[in-house]
Amino acid sequence: MLAHAQPPPWRSVAEPAFLAVGAVAICFPSGTAGPGARGDRAWAAAAVLNGRRTVDEATIVGKAGARYEAGLLALREGPLLEAAVRALHEAPDVLLVDATGRDHPRRAGLALHLGAMLGVPTVGVTHRPLLAEGDWPAEAKGQSAPLVLDGERIGAWVRRRAGARPVAAHSAWRTDVDTAVRVVLGTAGVHRTPEPLRQARRLARLARAKD
């Protein structure tokens, strides 16, 4: 079972600002409601940044593998996100995924699945936790606070901008919570969401608009 896999932990000696930080995002047709369906048209994008400099980017068009069901996001989005990363010419050192990792009913969310399939360390970044709980950190930039599930620290709230809502950073494939926090705080951008993830979202939406 993937949740019980014990791959060697990823520990970068370089600061996140000097890493090739990738991110993936996906979007579906505008105006749709409900859980969607298998075969829904979708646009997926991957971006890799080194600091603020874009190293590589890729977009693909495809079809959703399944309807949306809570806890089964990997079935709907995983294959398309994997294809977007594989379309890159420059592999990232670490990949940000808009999904959870260990914060999952089976302790194996999409961020964990995608990292295992690609063989790339991953960190989940979401607006809110799935099952884990924890109080927000102090208002100052750089503050973090634990997210706990069944007594285990599996993620953290991270404040990337003073006064702005924190994001949830999730340990995933080959990353622990401290590494996830370090990557999310050290990645480029002044917004509450890391810049690589923002860029991947822009690329996916632009591909949809052009299609």
Protein backbone atom coordinates (compact mmCIF):
# COMPACT_ATOMS: atom_id res chain seq x y z
CA MET A 1 0.00 0.00 0.00
CA LEU A 2 1.36 3.40 -1.01
CA ALA A 3 0.71 4.94 2.40
CA HIS A 4 3.12 2.45 3.96
CA ALA A 5 5.90 2.93 1.40
CA GLN A 6 9.15 4.23 2.89
CA PRO A 7 11.16 5.84 0.09
CA PRO A 8 14.40 7.61 1.07
CA PRO A 9 13.59 11.08 2.41
CA TRP A 10 14.46 14.02 0.20
CA ARG A 11 16.71 16.59 1.84
CA SER A 12 17.97 19.42 -0.33
CA VAL A 13 21.21 21.12 0.68
CA ALA A 14 20.23 24.14 -1.42
CA GLU A 15 17.77 26.79 -0.33
CA PRO A 16 14.41 26.67 -2.15
CA ALA A 17 15.28 29.90 -3.99
CA PHE A 18 18.06 28.00 -5.80
CA LEU A 19 16.03 24.89 -6.61
CA ALA A 20 14.08 24.10 -9.76
CA VAL A 21 10.62 24.15 -8.17
CA GLY A 22 7.87 22.73 -10.33
CA ALA A 23 4.11 22.87 -9.98
CA VAL A 24 1.10 21.37 -11.70
CA ALA A 25 -2.49 22.53 -12.09
CA ILE A 26 -5.60 21.45 -13.93
CA CYS A 27 -8.85 23.12 -14.92
CA PHE A 28 -12.15 21.98 -16.40
CA PRO A 29 -14.72 23.77 -18.59
CA SER A 30 -16.11 26.96 -17.10
CA GLY A 31 -19.61 26.99 -15.75
CA THR A 32 -19.82 23.31 -14.92
CA ALA A 33 -21.30 22.23 -11.61
CA GLY A 34 -21.40 19.07 -9.58
CA PRO A 35 -18.79 16.30 -9.40
CA GLY A 36 -18.26 16.15 -13.16
CA ALA A 37 -17.96 12.93 -15.10
CA ARG A 38 -15.39 10.58 -16.49
CA GLY A 39 -14.27 11.91 -19.87
CA ASP A 40 -14.75 15.60 -18.99
CA ARG A 41 -12.46 17.76 -21.10
CA ALA A 42 -9.55 19.11 -19.05
CA TRP A 43 -6.47 21.29 -19.44
CA ALA A 44 -3.38 20.49 -17.37
CA ALA A 45 -0.20 22.53 -17.06
CA ALA A 46 3.22 22.20 -15.47
CA ALA A 47 5.71 24.96 -14.77
CA VAL A 48 9.25 24.94 -13.40
CA LEU A 49 10.80 28.04 -11.84
CA ASN A 50 14.27 28.72 -10.51
CA GLY A 51 13.64 31.61 -8.18
CA ARG A 52 11.49 33.96 -10.28
CA ARG A 53 12.91 32.74 -13.60
CA THR A 54 10.78 30.35 -15.62
CA VAL A 55 12.86 27.33 -16.61
CA ASP A 56 10.24 25.31 -18.49
CA GLU A 57 6.50 24.93 -18.97
CA ALA A 58 4.10 22.55 -20.68
CA THR A 59 0.37 22.21 -21.22
CA ILE A 60 -1.76 19.30 -22.40
CA VAL A 61 -5.41 18.73 -23.22
CA GLY A 62 -7.11 15.51 -22.23
CA LYS A 63 -10.03 13.87 -20.49
CA ALA A 64 -10.74 13.31 -16.81
CA GLY A 65 -10.22 9.73 -15.70
CA ALA A 66 -13.23 9.69 -13.38
CA ARG A 67 -15.91 11.82 -11.79
CA TYR A 68 -14.88 13.68 -8.67
CA GLU A 69 -15.24 11.76 -5.44
CA ALA A 70 -13.80 12.86 -2.11
CA GLY A 71 -10.60 10.97 -1.40
CA LEU A 72 -10.27 9.74 -5.00
CA LEU A 73 -8.91 12.86 -6.70
CA ALA A 74 -5.97 10.88 -8.10
CA LEU A 75 -8.34 8.92 -10.33
CA ARG A 76 -9.82 12.07 -11.86
CA GLU A 77 -6.74 14.29 -12.21
CA GLY A 78 -3.66 12.14 -11.68
CA PRO A 79 -3.02 10.83 -15.23
CA LEU A 80 -3.36 14.29 -16.81
CA LEU A 81 -1.09 15.95 -14.26
CA GLU A 82 1.47 13.19 -14.71
CA ALA A 83 1.37 13.70 -18.48
CA ALA A 84 1.91 17.45 -18.07
CA VAL A 85 5.04 16.91 -15.95
CA ARG A 86 6.39 14.30 -18.35
CA ALA A 87 5.97 16.83 -21.18
CA LEU A 88 8.56 19.09 -19.54
CA HIS A 89 12.10 19.14 -20.90
CA GLU A 90 13.55 20.18 -17.52
CA ALA A 91 12.70 17.96 -14.56
CA PRO A 92 11.97 19.81 -11.29
CA ASP A 93 13.89 19.14 -8.09
CA VAL A 94 10.62 19.20 -6.17
CA LEU A 95 7.02 19.46 -7.33
CA LEU A 96 4.16 21.46 -5.77
CA VAL A 97 0.73 19.88 -6.15
CA ASP A 98 -2.66 21.44 -5.43
CA ALA A 99 -3.69 18.45 -3.34
CA THR A 100 -3.02 16.77 -0.01
CA GLY A 101 -0.41 14.16 0.85
CA ARG A 102 -0.75 12.36 4.19
CA ASP A 103 -3.88 14.36 5.05
CA HIS A 104 -6.18 11.76 3.54
CA PRO A 105 -8.47 8.92 4.71
CA ARG A 106 -5.87 6.40 3.51
CA ARG A 107 -2.89 8.70 4.20
CA ALA A 108 -2.17 8.81 0.46
CA GLY A 109 -3.60 11.84 -1.34
CA LEU A 110 -2.95 12.95 -4.91
CA ALA A 111 0.31 14.74 -4.04
CA LEU A 112 1.70 11.46 -2.71
CA HIS A 113 0.42 9.44 -5.67
CA LEU A 114 1.81 11.83 -8.25
CA GLY A 115 5.26 11.90 -6.66
CA ALA A 116 5.39 8.12 -6.55
CA MET A 117 4.39 7.82 -10.21
CA LEU A 118 6.92 10.41 -11.35
CA GLY A 119 9.72 9.57 -8.94
CA VAL A 120 9.88 13.25 -7.90
CA PRO A 121 9.67 14.66 -4.34
CA THR A 122 6.33 16.38 -3.85
CA VAL A 123 4.74 18.90 -1.49
CA GLY A 124 0.99 19.47 -1.33
CA VAL A 125 -0.29 23.04 -1.14
CA THR A 126 -4.00 23.62 -0.50
CA HIS A 127 -6.28 26.36 0.76
CA ARG A 128 -7.48 24.18 3.63
CA PRO A 129 -6.78 20.75 5.12
CA LEU A 130 -8.89 17.72 4.25
CA LEU A 131 -9.12 15.92 7.59
CA ALA A 132 -6.29 17.36 9.69
CA GLU A 133 -6.91 20.09 12.24
CA GLY A 134 -4.85 22.88 13.73
CA ASP A 135 -5.01 26.54 14.70
CA TRP A 136 -3.70 29.21 12.35
CA PRO A 137 -0.20 30.56 13.00
CA ALA A 138 0.64 34.09 14.13
CA GLU A 139 0.00 36.89 11.62
CA ALA A 140 3.65 37.55 10.75
CA LYS A 141 5.14 36.34 7.48
CA GLY A 142 7.01 33.05 7.86
CA GLN A 143 4.98 31.71 10.76
CA SER A 144 3.67 28.15 10.72
CA ALA A 145 1.50 25.95 12.92
CA PRO A 146 0.98 22.17 12.91
CA LEU A 147 -1.86 20.30 11.24
CA VAL A 148 -2.58 17.05 13.09
CA LEU A 149 -4.47 13.92 12.08
CA ASP A 150 -5.03 11.11 14.59
CA GLY A 151 -2.32 12.56 16.82
CA GLU A 152 0.26 12.72 14.03
CA ARG A 153 1.69 15.94 12.57
CA ILE A 154 1.14 15.51 8.83
CA GLY A 155 1.19 19.10 7.60
CA ALA A 156 1.28 22.74 8.66
CA TRP A 157 -0.45 26.04 8.16
CA VAL A 158 2.07 28.40 6.56
CA ARG A 159 1.84 32.20 6.46
CA ARG A 160 3.62 33.37 3.29
CA ARG A 161 2.38 36.94 3.59
CA ALA A 162 1.71 38.94 6.75
CA GLY A 163 -1.99 39.22 7.47
CA ALA A 164 -3.03 37.03 4.54
CA ARG A 165 -4.79 33.71 4.99
CA PRO A 166 -2.24 30.90 5.42
CA VAL A 167 -1.99 27.94 3.06
CA ALA A 168 -1.80 24.33 4.14
CA ALA A 169 1.54 22.66 3.35
CA HIS A 170 1.40 18.87 3.17
CA SER A 171 4.15 16.30 3.48
CA ALA A 172 3.92 13.96 0.48
CA TRP A 173 6.29 11.78 -1.56
CA ARG A 174 9.76 11.75 0.08
CA THR A 175 9.04 14.95 2.04
CA ASP A 176 8.29 15.44 5.71
CA VAL A 177 6.42 18.36 7.27
CA ASP A 178 9.53 20.46 7.97
CA THR A 179 10.67 20.08 4.38
CA ALA A 180 7.21 20.99 3.09
CA VAL A 181 7.16 24.16 5.21
CA ARG A 182 10.68 25.10 4.09
CA VAL A 183 9.83 24.71 0.42
CA VAL A 184 6.53 26.60 0.64
CA LEU A 185 8.09 29.49 2.57
CA GLY A 186 11.22 29.66 0.42
CA THR A 187 9.60 29.48 -2.99
CA ALA A 188 9.38 32.64 -5.08
CA GLY A 189 6.49 35.09 -4.99
CA VAL A 190 4.96 37.60 -2.62
CA HIS A 191 1.47 36.14 -2.80
CA ARG A 192 -0.07 33.71 -0.32
CA THR A 193 0.30 30.94 -2.91
CA PRO A 194 3.81 30.00 -4.17
CA GLU A 195 4.60 31.47 -7.60
CA PRO A 196 5.20 28.13 -9.42
CA LEU A 197 1.69 27.02 -8.50
CA ARG A 198 0.22 30.36 -9.56
CA GLN A 199 2.00 30.11 -12.90
CA ALA A 200 0.81 26.55 -13.52
CA ARG A 201 -2.77 27.65 -12.85
CA ARG A 202 -2.41 30.59 -15.26
CA LEU A 203 -1.05 28.28 -17.96
CA ALA A 204 -3.92 25.80 -17.57
CA ARG A 205 -6.53 28.56 -17.72
CA LEU A 206 -4.85 30.19 -20.72
CA ALA A 207 -4.84 26.85 -22.54
CA ARG A 208 -8.55 26.51 -21.81
CA ALA A 209 -9.26 30.04 -23.06
CA LYS A 210 -7.38 29.41 -26.31
CA ASP A 211 -9.02 26.07 -27.00
